[in-house]
Amino acid sequence: MTVRIVLVDDHNLVRAGIRVLLGDWGYSVVAEGCDGDDVERLLELHQPDVLLMDITMERLSGLEALKKLRVRWPALPVILLSMHDTRDFVLKAMQEGASAYLLKDAAEVELRMAIQAVLSGHRYLSPKISGRVIEAMNAQGAESEEVTLTARQREVLYWLVNGKTNKEIAYQLNLSVKTVDAHRAQLMVRLNIRDLAGLVVYAIRQGILDL
């Protein structure tokens, strides 16, 4: 069965080059867009197996589009293409629910590996990026590793680092929003972590968020 891909990038030549590569590998580009505003319409019309999307676009960025589409397509594999190799961009993409983060200067084989990974339910980071995430994990310190979380706290943490809002987590776990707020605050106090990016790093280290 042919894998169907929607491709969104604001550069025509980039899209053309990627389309050729995907065709050579046996994948089918069923639709293309040039801005994040196009994404939801294209997904609705074509129901692809994978979304391949640039992170930097003029009207609506890939990160903003990703956050919006996750409401309706929470399980769709999304590969983000980016020129940005900083830790903050990578962690933000993961928080919003990216399945893979691929640098635009990556080797062609990396794109193929990323597609295969996300179709198998795994996450993929460019090797250059994964090294920086590991450095961030090491810098997190041993103190938070020694903390034991309750089963409920781990559930709340899982959904937080997968980009869900407190309201969405409350619905998912059949809790009140106030209770989720309390769990979130307790997590940050117990782990001595003050932001969502730090929670993502902790979740990777503990195997709660799988790369």
N, C-alpha and C. Protein backbone atom coordinates (compact mmCIF):
# COMPACT_ATOMS: atom_id res chain seq x y z
N MET A 1 0.84 -1.20 0.00
CA MET A 1 0.00 0.00 0.00
C MET A 1 0.88 1.25 0.00
N THR A 2 0.61 2.17 -0.91
CA THR A 2 1.41 3.38 -1.05
C THR A 2 1.17 4.34 0.11
N VAL A 3 2.25 4.86 0.68
CA VAL A 3 2.16 5.84 1.76
C VAL A 3 1.82 7.19 1.15
N ARG A 4 0.77 7.81 1.68
CA ARG A 4 0.28 9.10 1.17
C ARG A 4 0.81 10.23 2.04
N ILE A 5 1.41 11.22 1.40
CA ILE A 5 2.07 12.31 2.13
C ILE A 5 1.54 13.66 1.66
N VAL A 6 1.25 14.54 2.62
CA VAL A 6 0.97 15.94 2.32
C VAL A 6 2.24 16.73 2.63
N LEU A 7 2.65 17.57 1.71
CA LEU A 7 3.90 18.32 1.80
C LEU A 7 3.59 19.82 1.85
N VAL A 8 4.08 20.49 2.90
CA VAL A 8 3.82 21.93 3.06
C VAL A 8 5.14 22.66 3.28
N ASP A 9 5.48 23.55 2.36
CA ASP A 9 6.70 24.34 2.46
C ASP A 9 6.49 25.58 1.59
N ASP A 10 7.02 26.72 2.03
CA ASP A 10 6.77 27.95 1.28
C ASP A 10 7.76 28.20 0.16
N HIS A 11 8.64 27.23 -0.13
CA HIS A 11 9.58 27.36 -1.24
C HIS A 11 9.26 26.32 -2.31
N ASN A 12 8.94 26.78 -3.50
CA ASN A 12 8.54 25.89 -4.57
C ASN A 12 9.63 24.89 -4.93
N LEU A 13 10.88 25.36 -5.00
CA LEU A 13 11.97 24.47 -5.40
C LEU A 13 12.22 23.39 -4.34
N VAL A 14 12.07 23.76 -3.06
CA VAL A 14 12.24 22.78 -2.00
C VAL A 14 11.18 21.70 -2.13
N ARG A 15 9.94 22.11 -2.33
CA ARG A 15 8.86 21.13 -2.50
C ARG A 15 9.11 20.23 -3.69
N ALA A 16 9.57 20.82 -4.79
CA ALA A 16 9.81 20.03 -5.99
C ALA A 16 10.89 18.99 -5.75
N GLY A 17 11.97 19.38 -5.08
CA GLY A 17 13.04 18.43 -4.79
C GLY A 17 12.60 17.31 -3.88
N ILE A 18 11.85 17.65 -2.84
CA ILE A 18 11.37 16.62 -1.91
C ILE A 18 10.38 15.69 -2.60
N ARG A 19 9.52 16.28 -3.45
CA ARG A 19 8.54 15.46 -4.17
C ARG A 19 9.23 14.39 -5.03
N VAL A 20 10.30 14.78 -5.70
CA VAL A 20 11.04 13.82 -6.53
C VAL A 20 11.64 12.71 -5.68
N LEU A 21 12.25 13.10 -4.56
CA LEU A 21 12.83 12.10 -3.65
C LEU A 21 11.78 11.11 -3.18
N LEU A 22 10.66 11.64 -2.73
CA LEU A 22 9.60 10.77 -2.20
C LEU A 22 9.07 9.83 -3.28
N GLY A 23 8.94 10.35 -4.48
CA GLY A 23 8.49 9.51 -5.58
C GLY A 23 9.47 8.40 -5.89
N ASP A 24 10.76 8.72 -5.84
CA ASP A 24 11.79 7.69 -6.07
C ASP A 24 11.73 6.58 -5.03
N TRP A 25 11.29 6.93 -3.83
CA TRP A 25 11.21 5.93 -2.74
C TRP A 25 9.88 5.20 -2.71
N GLY A 26 8.99 5.53 -3.63
CA GLY A 26 7.71 4.84 -3.69
C GLY A 26 6.59 5.48 -2.90
N TYR A 27 6.84 6.68 -2.36
CA TYR A 27 5.80 7.39 -1.62
C TYR A 27 5.02 8.29 -2.58
N SER A 28 3.80 8.65 -2.18
CA SER A 28 2.95 9.48 -3.03
C SER A 28 2.64 10.80 -2.35
N VAL A 29 3.03 11.91 -2.98
CA VAL A 29 2.66 13.24 -2.49
C VAL A 29 1.27 13.55 -3.04
N VAL A 30 0.27 13.47 -2.17
CA VAL A 30 -1.11 13.61 -2.62
C VAL A 30 -1.57 15.06 -2.66
N ALA A 31 -0.84 15.95 -1.97
CA ALA A 31 -1.20 17.38 -1.98
C ALA A 31 -0.03 18.20 -1.48
N GLU A 32 0.01 19.46 -1.90
CA GLU A 32 1.05 20.39 -1.46
C GLU A 32 0.44 21.71 -1.03
N GLY A 33 1.10 22.36 -0.08
CA GLY A 33 0.69 23.68 0.37
C GLY A 33 1.91 24.54 0.58
N CYS A 34 1.68 25.86 0.69
CA CYS A 34 2.81 26.78 0.85
C CYS A 34 2.76 27.57 2.15
N ASP A 35 1.78 27.26 3.01
CA ASP A 35 1.69 27.98 4.27
C ASP A 35 0.92 27.14 5.29
N GLY A 36 1.15 27.44 6.57
CA GLY A 36 0.46 26.71 7.62
C GLY A 36 -1.05 26.82 7.54
N ASP A 37 -1.52 27.91 6.93
CA ASP A 37 -2.97 28.08 6.77
C ASP A 37 -3.59 26.99 5.88
N ASP A 38 -2.77 26.37 5.04
CA ASP A 38 -3.28 25.36 4.12
C ASP A 38 -3.47 23.99 4.78
N VAL A 39 -2.85 23.80 5.93
CA VAL A 39 -2.69 22.45 6.46
C VAL A 39 -4.02 21.75 6.75
N GLU A 40 -4.88 22.38 7.55
CA GLU A 40 -6.11 21.69 7.96
C GLU A 40 -6.99 21.35 6.76
N ARG A 41 -7.06 22.25 5.80
CA ARG A 41 -7.86 21.99 4.60
C ARG A 41 -7.31 20.79 3.83
N LEU A 42 -5.99 20.73 3.69
CA LEU A 42 -5.38 19.62 2.94
C LEU A 42 -5.54 18.29 3.68
N LEU A 43 -5.44 18.32 4.99
CA LEU A 43 -5.62 17.09 5.76
C LEU A 43 -7.06 16.60 5.65
N GLU A 44 -7.99 17.52 5.71
CA GLU A 44 -9.40 17.15 5.61
C GLU A 44 -9.71 16.54 4.25
N LEU A 45 -9.15 17.12 3.20
CA LEU A 45 -9.45 16.66 1.84
C LEU A 45 -8.77 15.34 1.51
N HIS A 46 -7.54 15.13 2.01
CA HIS A 46 -6.72 14.01 1.50
C HIS A 46 -6.43 12.91 2.52
N GLN A 47 -6.64 13.16 3.81
CA GLN A 47 -6.44 12.13 4.85
C GLN A 47 -5.12 11.37 4.64
N PRO A 48 -4.00 12.06 4.70
CA PRO A 48 -2.70 11.42 4.41
C PRO A 48 -2.23 10.52 5.55
N ASP A 49 -1.18 9.75 5.25
CA ASP A 49 -0.54 8.92 6.27
C ASP A 49 0.53 9.70 7.04
N VAL A 50 1.10 10.72 6.39
CA VAL A 50 2.16 11.53 6.99
C VAL A 50 2.02 12.97 6.51
N LEU A 51 2.30 13.91 7.41
CA LEU A 51 2.40 15.33 7.04
C LEU A 51 3.86 15.73 7.16
N LEU A 52 4.40 16.28 6.09
CA LEU A 52 5.79 16.76 6.06
C LEU A 52 5.72 18.27 5.90
N MET A 53 6.20 19.02 6.90
CA MET A 53 5.90 20.46 6.95
C MET A 53 7.11 21.28 7.39
N ASP A 54 7.31 22.40 6.73
CA ASP A 54 8.34 23.36 7.11
C ASP A 54 7.94 24.02 8.42
N ILE A 55 8.92 24.41 9.22
CA ILE A 55 8.62 25.04 10.50
C ILE A 55 8.50 26.55 10.40
N THR A 56 9.13 27.15 9.37
CA THR A 56 9.13 28.61 9.23
C THR A 56 8.42 29.00 7.95
N MET A 57 7.20 29.55 8.11
CA MET A 57 6.42 30.00 6.96
C MET A 57 5.80 31.35 7.30
N GLU A 58 5.38 32.11 6.29
CA GLU A 58 5.06 33.52 6.48
C GLU A 58 3.81 33.76 7.32
N ARG A 59 2.66 33.25 6.91
CA ARG A 59 1.41 33.61 7.58
C ARG A 59 1.20 32.80 8.86
N LEU A 60 1.40 31.50 8.79
CA LEU A 60 1.21 30.64 9.94
C LEU A 60 2.36 29.64 9.98
N SER A 61 3.12 29.65 11.05
CA SER A 61 4.31 28.79 11.12
C SER A 61 3.92 27.33 11.27
N GLY A 62 4.90 26.46 11.03
CA GLY A 62 4.66 25.05 11.19
C GLY A 62 4.30 24.69 12.62
N LEU A 63 4.92 25.34 13.60
CA LEU A 63 4.60 25.07 15.00
C LEU A 63 3.17 25.47 15.33
N GLU A 64 2.73 26.61 14.83
CA GLU A 64 1.35 27.06 15.08
C GLU A 64 0.36 26.13 14.39
N ALA A 65 0.68 25.73 13.17
CA ALA A 65 -0.20 24.81 12.45
C ALA A 65 -0.27 23.46 13.16
N LEU A 66 0.88 23.01 13.67
CA LEU A 66 0.92 21.73 14.38
C LEU A 66 0.03 21.76 15.61
N LYS A 67 0.11 22.83 16.36
CA LYS A 67 -0.72 22.95 17.57
C LYS A 67 -2.20 22.88 17.23
N LYS A 68 -2.60 23.53 16.15
CA LYS A 68 -4.01 23.53 15.75
C LYS A 68 -4.46 22.16 15.26
N LEU A 69 -3.65 21.52 14.43
CA LEU A 69 -4.09 20.27 13.83
C LEU A 69 -4.14 19.13 14.85
N ARG A 70 -3.35 19.22 15.91
CA ARG A 70 -3.34 18.15 16.90
C ARG A 70 -4.69 17.98 17.60
N VAL A 71 -5.53 19.00 17.56
CA VAL A 71 -6.86 18.89 18.15
C VAL A 71 -7.70 17.87 17.39
N ARG A 72 -7.60 17.89 16.06
CA ARG A 72 -8.42 16.99 15.24
C ARG A 72 -7.69 15.73 14.81
N TRP A 73 -6.36 15.82 14.69
CA TRP A 73 -5.58 14.67 14.22
C TRP A 73 -4.47 14.37 15.23
N PRO A 74 -4.82 13.90 16.41
CA PRO A 74 -3.80 13.70 17.46
C PRO A 74 -2.77 12.64 17.14
N ALA A 75 -3.12 11.68 16.28
CA ALA A 75 -2.21 10.56 16.02
C ALA A 75 -1.48 10.66 14.68
N LEU A 76 -1.76 11.68 13.89
CA LEU A 76 -1.13 11.80 12.57
C LEU A 76 0.38 12.01 12.70
N PRO A 77 1.20 11.20 12.06
CA PRO A 77 2.65 11.44 12.07
C PRO A 77 2.99 12.76 11.35
N VAL A 78 3.71 13.63 12.06
CA VAL A 78 4.07 14.94 11.51
C VAL A 78 5.59 15.10 11.59
N ILE A 79 6.21 15.29 10.44
CA ILE A 79 7.65 15.54 10.36
C ILE A 79 7.85 17.02 10.09
N LEU A 80 8.58 17.69 10.99
CA LEU A 80 8.88 19.10 10.80
C LEU A 80 10.26 19.27 10.17
N LEU A 81 10.34 20.11 9.15
CA LEU A 81 11.61 20.46 8.51
C LEU A 81 12.03 21.83 9.02
N SER A 82 13.30 21.98 9.38
CA SER A 82 13.71 23.24 9.98
C SER A 82 15.16 23.57 9.68
N MET A 83 15.45 24.87 9.64
CA MET A 83 16.83 25.35 9.58
C MET A 83 17.39 25.57 10.98
N HIS A 84 16.52 25.52 12.00
CA HIS A 84 16.91 25.84 13.37
C HIS A 84 17.36 24.59 14.10
N ASP A 85 18.58 24.64 14.64
CA ASP A 85 19.11 23.48 15.33
C ASP A 85 19.31 23.72 16.83
N THR A 86 18.64 24.75 17.37
CA THR A 86 18.78 25.04 18.79
C THR A 86 17.85 24.16 19.62
N ARG A 87 18.24 23.93 20.86
CA ARG A 87 17.47 23.07 21.75
C ARG A 87 16.05 23.58 21.94
N ASP A 88 15.89 24.91 22.06
CA ASP A 88 14.57 25.46 22.34
C ASP A 88 13.58 25.16 21.22
N PHE A 89 14.03 25.26 19.97
CA PHE A 89 13.14 24.95 18.85
C PHE A 89 12.73 23.48 18.88
N VAL A 90 13.69 22.61 19.15
CA VAL A 90 13.40 21.17 19.16
C VAL A 90 12.41 20.82 20.26
N LEU A 91 12.65 21.32 21.47
CA LEU A 91 11.77 21.01 22.58
C LEU A 91 10.37 21.59 22.36
N LYS A 92 10.30 22.77 21.78
CA LYS A 92 8.99 23.36 21.49
C LYS A 92 8.23 22.50 20.49
N ALA A 93 8.94 22.02 19.47
CA ALA A 93 8.29 21.15 18.48
C ALA A 93 7.77 19.87 19.13
N MET A 94 8.54 19.31 20.03
CA MET A 94 8.11 18.09 20.71
C MET A 94 6.93 18.36 21.63
N GLN A 95 6.94 19.51 22.28
CA GLN A 95 5.82 19.88 23.14
C GLN A 95 4.52 19.97 22.34
N GLU A 96 4.63 20.48 21.12
CA GLU A 96 3.43 20.65 20.29
C GLU A 96 3.01 19.35 19.60
N GLY A 97 3.81 18.29 19.75
CA GLY A 97 3.40 17.00 19.22
C GLY A 97 4.06 16.57 17.93
N ALA A 98 5.22 17.12 17.61
CA ALA A 98 5.93 16.68 16.40
C ALA A 98 6.38 15.23 16.55
N SER A 99 6.28 14.47 15.47
CA SER A 99 6.75 13.09 15.46
C SER A 99 8.23 13.02 15.10
N ALA A 100 8.69 13.98 14.31
CA ALA A 100 10.10 14.01 13.90
C ALA A 100 10.51 15.45 13.65
N TYR A 101 11.79 15.71 13.90
CA TYR A 101 12.36 17.04 13.67
C TYR A 101 13.60 16.83 12.82
N LEU A 102 13.55 17.34 11.60
CA LEU A 102 14.60 17.07 10.63
C LEU A 102 15.19 18.39 10.13
N LEU A 103 16.51 18.50 10.19
CA LEU A 103 17.16 19.70 9.69
C LEU A 103 17.18 19.72 8.16
N LYS A 104 17.06 20.91 7.59
CA LYS A 104 17.00 21.01 6.14
C LYS A 104 18.33 20.70 5.46
N ASP A 105 19.41 20.73 6.22
CA ASP A 105 20.70 20.36 5.63
C ASP A 105 21.04 18.89 5.89
N ALA A 106 20.05 18.12 6.32
CA ALA A 106 20.28 16.70 6.60
C ALA A 106 20.50 15.93 5.29
N ALA A 107 21.14 14.78 5.40
CA ALA A 107 21.33 13.90 4.25
C ALA A 107 19.98 13.34 3.81
N GLU A 108 19.87 13.00 2.53
CA GLU A 108 18.61 12.49 1.99
C GLU A 108 18.14 11.25 2.75
N VAL A 109 19.07 10.40 3.16
CA VAL A 109 18.70 9.17 3.83
C VAL A 109 18.00 9.44 5.15
N GLU A 110 18.30 10.59 5.77
CA GLU A 110 17.64 10.92 7.04
C GLU A 110 16.15 11.13 6.86
N LEU A 111 15.76 11.74 5.75
CA LEU A 111 14.34 11.93 5.50
C LEU A 111 13.64 10.58 5.38
N ARG A 112 14.27 9.67 4.67
CA ARG A 112 13.67 8.33 4.52
C ARG A 112 13.58 7.63 5.88
N MET A 113 14.63 7.76 6.69
CA MET A 113 14.63 7.15 8.02
C MET A 113 13.55 7.77 8.90
N ALA A 114 13.36 9.08 8.79
CA ALA A 114 12.35 9.76 9.59
C ALA A 114 10.95 9.26 9.22
N ILE A 115 10.68 9.12 7.93
CA ILE A 115 9.38 8.63 7.48
C ILE A 115 9.14 7.21 7.99
N GLN A 116 10.12 6.36 7.86
CA GLN A 116 9.98 4.98 8.33
C GLN A 116 9.75 4.94 9.84
N ALA A 117 10.45 5.81 10.57
CA ALA A 117 10.30 5.84 12.02
C ALA A 117 8.90 6.25 12.44
N VAL A 118 8.40 7.34 11.87
CA VAL A 118 7.09 7.83 12.31
C VAL A 118 5.96 6.90 11.88
N LEU A 119 6.13 6.23 10.74
CA LEU A 119 5.12 5.26 10.32
C LEU A 119 5.08 4.06 11.25
N SER A 120 6.19 3.81 11.95
CA SER A 120 6.25 2.70 12.91
C SER A 120 5.86 3.14 14.32
N GLY A 121 5.47 4.40 14.45
CA GLY A 121 5.04 4.89 15.75
C GLY A 121 6.14 5.43 16.63
N HIS A 122 7.33 5.67 16.05
CA HIS A 122 8.45 6.18 16.82
C HIS A 122 8.69 7.65 16.48
N ARG A 123 9.53 8.29 17.28
CA ARG A 123 9.95 9.65 16.99
C ARG A 123 11.35 9.62 16.37
N TYR A 124 11.65 10.70 15.64
CA TYR A 124 12.97 10.78 15.00
C TYR A 124 13.49 12.19 15.13
N LEU A 125 14.76 12.29 15.52
CA LEU A 125 15.46 13.57 15.54
C LEU A 125 16.72 13.44 14.71
N SER A 126 17.06 14.49 13.96
CA SER A 126 18.34 14.50 13.26
C SER A 126 19.45 14.24 14.28
N PRO A 127 20.46 13.43 13.92
CA PRO A 127 21.54 13.12 14.86
C PRO A 127 22.15 14.35 15.51
N LYS A 128 22.33 15.42 14.75
CA LYS A 128 22.89 16.65 15.29
C LYS A 128 22.00 17.20 16.41
N ILE A 129 20.70 17.07 16.22
CA ILE A 129 19.74 17.56 17.21
C ILE A 129 19.69 16.64 18.42
N SER A 130 19.67 15.33 18.19
CA SER A 130 19.56 14.39 19.30
C SER A 130 20.73 14.56 20.27
N GLY A 131 21.91 14.87 19.73
CA GLY A 131 23.06 15.10 20.60
C GLY A 131 22.83 16.27 21.53
N ARG A 132 22.21 17.34 21.03
CA ARG A 132 21.96 18.51 21.87
C ARG A 132 20.89 18.22 22.91
N VAL A 133 19.90 17.41 22.54
CA VAL A 133 18.88 17.04 23.51
C VAL A 133 19.49 16.20 24.63
N ILE A 134 20.38 15.29 24.26
CA ILE A 134 21.07 14.47 25.27
C ILE A 134 21.89 15.35 26.20
N GLU A 135 22.56 16.36 25.63
CA GLU A 135 23.32 17.29 26.47
C GLU A 135 22.39 18.00 27.45
N ALA A 136 21.22 18.38 26.96
CA ALA A 136 20.26 19.05 27.83
C ALA A 136 19.78 18.12 28.93
N MET A 137 19.59 16.83 28.58
CA MET A 137 19.16 15.86 29.56
C MET A 137 20.22 15.68 30.63
N ASN A 138 21.49 15.63 30.22
CA ASN A 138 22.57 15.48 31.18
C ASN A 138 22.68 16.70 32.09
N ALA A 139 22.39 17.87 31.51
CA ALA A 139 22.47 19.11 32.29
C ALA A 139 21.31 19.25 33.27
N GLN A 140 20.30 18.43 33.09
CA GLN A 140 19.12 18.52 33.96
C GLN A 140 19.48 18.21 35.41
N GLY A 141 20.49 17.35 35.60
CA GLY A 141 20.92 17.03 36.95
C GLY A 141 20.28 15.77 37.48
N ALA A 142 20.89 15.20 38.49
CA ALA A 142 20.42 13.93 39.03
C ALA A 142 19.30 14.10 40.02
N GLU A 143 19.09 15.30 40.54
CA GLU A 143 18.11 15.48 41.60
C GLU A 143 16.73 15.04 41.20
N SER A 144 16.27 15.43 40.00
CA SER A 144 14.92 15.08 39.58
C SER A 144 14.78 13.60 39.28
N GLU A 145 15.88 12.92 38.92
CA GLU A 145 15.81 11.50 38.61
C GLU A 145 15.43 10.68 39.83
N GLU A 146 15.77 11.16 41.04
CA GLU A 146 15.55 10.40 42.24
C GLU A 146 14.12 10.51 42.74
N VAL A 147 13.33 11.40 42.16
CA VAL A 147 11.96 11.61 42.60
C VAL A 147 11.07 10.51 42.03
N THR A 148 10.22 9.95 42.88
CA THR A 148 9.25 8.95 42.44
C THR A 148 7.90 9.63 42.25
N LEU A 149 7.36 9.51 41.06
CA LEU A 149 6.06 10.10 40.76
C LEU A 149 4.96 9.06 40.94
N THR A 150 3.79 9.53 41.29
CA THR A 150 2.64 8.63 41.35
C THR A 150 2.19 8.28 39.93
N ALA A 151 1.38 7.25 39.81
CA ALA A 151 0.88 6.84 38.50
C ALA A 151 0.10 7.98 37.84
N ARG A 152 -0.70 8.70 38.65
CA ARG A 152 -1.48 9.80 38.10
C ARG A 152 -0.59 10.93 37.63
N GLN A 153 0.45 11.24 38.40
CA GLN A 153 1.38 12.30 38.00
C GLN A 153 2.10 11.94 36.71
N ARG A 154 2.44 10.67 36.54
CA ARG A 154 3.08 10.25 35.29
C ARG A 154 2.11 10.38 34.12
N GLU A 155 0.84 10.09 34.35
CA GLU A 155 -0.16 10.25 33.29
C GLU A 155 -0.28 11.72 32.88
N VAL A 156 -0.38 12.59 33.87
CA VAL A 156 -0.49 14.02 33.59
C VAL A 156 0.76 14.50 32.87
N LEU A 157 1.94 14.06 33.32
CA LEU A 157 3.19 14.45 32.68
C LEU A 157 3.22 13.98 31.23
N TYR A 158 2.78 12.75 30.98
CA TYR A 158 2.78 12.20 29.62
C TYR A 158 1.99 13.10 28.67
N TRP A 159 0.79 13.49 29.10
CA TRP A 159 -0.04 14.30 28.21
C TRP A 159 0.47 15.73 28.10
N LEU A 160 1.06 16.24 29.17
CA LEU A 160 1.65 17.59 29.11
C LEU A 160 2.75 17.67 28.06
N VAL A 161 3.67 16.71 28.10
CA VAL A 161 4.81 16.77 27.18
C VAL A 161 4.42 16.36 25.77
N ASN A 162 3.20 15.86 25.59
CA ASN A 162 2.71 15.58 24.25
C ASN A 162 1.82 16.71 23.73
N GLY A 163 1.90 17.88 24.41
CA GLY A 163 1.28 19.08 23.87
C GLY A 163 -0.16 19.31 24.25
N LYS A 164 -0.71 18.54 25.18
CA LYS A 164 -2.11 18.72 25.56
C LYS A 164 -2.26 19.87 26.57
N THR A 165 -3.37 20.59 26.46
CA THR A 165 -3.68 21.64 27.42
C THR A 165 -4.23 21.00 28.70
N ASN A 166 -4.30 21.77 29.77
CA ASN A 166 -4.86 21.26 31.02
C ASN A 166 -6.31 20.80 30.83
N LYS A 167 -7.05 21.54 30.04
CA LYS A 167 -8.45 21.18 29.78
C LYS A 167 -8.54 19.85 29.03
N GLU A 168 -7.67 19.67 28.03
CA GLU A 168 -7.68 18.41 27.27
C GLU A 168 -7.26 17.24 28.14
N ILE A 169 -6.29 17.47 29.03
CA ILE A 169 -5.85 16.40 29.93
C ILE A 169 -6.98 16.03 30.89
N ALA A 170 -7.69 17.04 31.39
CA ALA A 170 -8.80 16.79 32.30
C ALA A 170 -9.85 15.90 31.62
N TYR A 171 -10.16 16.19 30.38
CA TYR A 171 -11.12 15.38 29.64
C TYR A 171 -10.59 13.96 29.43
N GLN A 172 -9.32 13.85 29.06
CA GLN A 172 -8.71 12.55 28.77
C GLN A 172 -8.71 11.66 30.01
N LEU A 173 -8.43 12.22 31.18
CA LEU A 173 -8.28 11.45 32.40
C LEU A 173 -9.52 11.49 33.30
N ASN A 174 -10.56 12.15 32.80
CA ASN A 174 -11.82 12.25 33.56
C ASN A 174 -11.58 12.94 34.92
N LEU A 175 -10.86 14.04 34.87
CA LEU A 175 -10.57 14.84 36.06
C LEU A 175 -11.09 16.26 35.86
N SER A 176 -11.14 17.01 36.93
CA SER A 176 -11.46 18.43 36.80
C SER A 176 -10.21 19.19 36.35
N VAL A 177 -10.41 20.31 35.70
CA VAL A 177 -9.28 21.15 35.27
C VAL A 177 -8.49 21.60 36.49
N LYS A 178 -9.19 21.88 37.57
CA LYS A 178 -8.52 22.31 38.80
C LYS A 178 -7.58 21.23 39.32
N THR A 179 -8.01 19.97 39.23
CA THR A 179 -7.17 18.86 39.69
C THR A 179 -5.93 18.73 38.81
N VAL A 180 -6.08 18.88 37.50
CA VAL A 180 -4.94 18.81 36.59
C VAL A 180 -3.98 19.96 36.88
N ASP A 181 -4.52 21.17 37.12
CA ASP A 181 -3.68 22.30 37.49
C ASP A 181 -2.83 21.97 38.71
N ALA A 182 -3.45 21.32 39.69
CA ALA A 182 -2.75 20.98 40.92
C ALA A 182 -1.65 19.96 40.66
N HIS A 183 -1.96 18.95 39.84
CA HIS A 183 -0.95 17.94 39.51
C HIS A 183 0.23 18.58 38.77
N ARG A 184 -0.06 19.49 37.87
CA ARG A 184 1.00 20.14 37.10
C ARG A 184 1.90 20.94 38.03
N ALA A 185 1.30 21.67 38.95
CA ALA A 185 2.08 22.46 39.90
C ALA A 185 2.93 21.55 40.79
N GLN A 186 2.35 20.43 41.24
CA GLN A 186 3.08 19.49 42.09
C GLN A 186 4.26 18.88 41.35
N LEU A 187 4.05 18.57 40.06
CA LEU A 187 5.15 18.01 39.26
C LEU A 187 6.34 18.96 39.23
N MET A 188 6.08 20.22 38.97
CA MET A 188 7.16 21.18 38.84
C MET A 188 7.88 21.39 40.18
N VAL A 189 7.11 21.35 41.28
CA VAL A 189 7.73 21.50 42.59
C VAL A 189 8.56 20.27 42.94
N ARG A 190 7.99 19.07 42.75
CA ARG A 190 8.69 17.84 43.11
C ARG A 190 9.94 17.62 42.28
N LEU A 191 9.86 17.98 41.00
CA LEU A 191 11.01 17.76 40.11
C LEU A 191 11.96 18.95 40.09
N ASN A 192 11.54 20.04 40.72
CA ASN A 192 12.35 21.27 40.70
C ASN A 192 12.58 21.74 39.27
N ILE A 193 11.50 21.68 38.48
CA ILE A 193 11.53 22.11 37.08
C ILE A 193 10.48 23.20 36.92
N ARG A 194 10.85 24.29 36.27
CA ARG A 194 9.98 25.46 36.24
C ARG A 194 9.32 25.74 34.90
N ASP A 195 9.62 24.94 33.88
CA ASP A 195 9.01 25.20 32.58
C ASP A 195 8.71 23.89 31.87
N LEU A 196 7.90 23.99 30.80
CA LEU A 196 7.49 22.80 30.06
C LEU A 196 8.65 22.15 29.33
N ALA A 197 9.59 22.98 28.85
CA ALA A 197 10.77 22.41 28.17
C ALA A 197 11.54 21.49 29.12
N GLY A 198 11.67 21.90 30.37
CA GLY A 198 12.35 21.06 31.36
C GLY A 198 11.61 19.77 31.60
N LEU A 199 10.28 19.82 31.61
CA LEU A 199 9.48 18.60 31.78
C LEU A 199 9.68 17.65 30.60
N VAL A 200 9.81 18.21 29.39
CA VAL A 200 10.07 17.37 28.22
C VAL A 200 11.39 16.63 28.38
N VAL A 201 12.43 17.34 28.79
CA VAL A 201 13.73 16.72 28.99
C VAL A 201 13.65 15.61 30.03
N TYR A 202 12.97 15.88 31.14
CA TYR A 202 12.82 14.87 32.19
C TYR A 202 12.07 13.65 31.65
N ALA A 203 11.00 13.89 30.88
CA ALA A 203 10.20 12.79 30.36
C ALA A 203 11.00 11.90 29.41
N ILE A 204 11.91 12.50 28.64
CA ILE A 204 12.77 11.72 27.76
C ILE A 204 13.71 10.85 28.59
N ARG A 205 14.30 11.43 29.60
CA ARG A 205 15.25 10.70 30.44
C ARG A 205 14.59 9.51 31.12
N GLN A 206 13.32 9.69 31.51
CA GLN A 206 12.63 8.64 32.25
C GLN A 206 11.88 7.66 31.35
N GLY A 207 11.96 7.86 30.04
CA GLY A 207 11.28 6.96 29.12
C GLY A 207 9.79 7.20 29.00
N ILE A 208 9.31 8.34 29.55
CA ILE A 208 7.89 8.67 29.46
C ILE A 208 7.58 9.21 28.06
N LEU A 209 8.52 9.93 27.50
CA LEU A 209 8.40 10.44 26.13
C LEU A 209 9.47 9.75 25.30
N ASP A 210 9.03 8.99 24.31
CA ASP A 210 9.93 8.15 23.53
C ASP A 210 10.39 8.87 22.28
N LEU A 211 11.72 8.91 22.08
CA LEU A 211 12.28 9.45 20.84
C LEU A 211 12.29 8.41 19.75
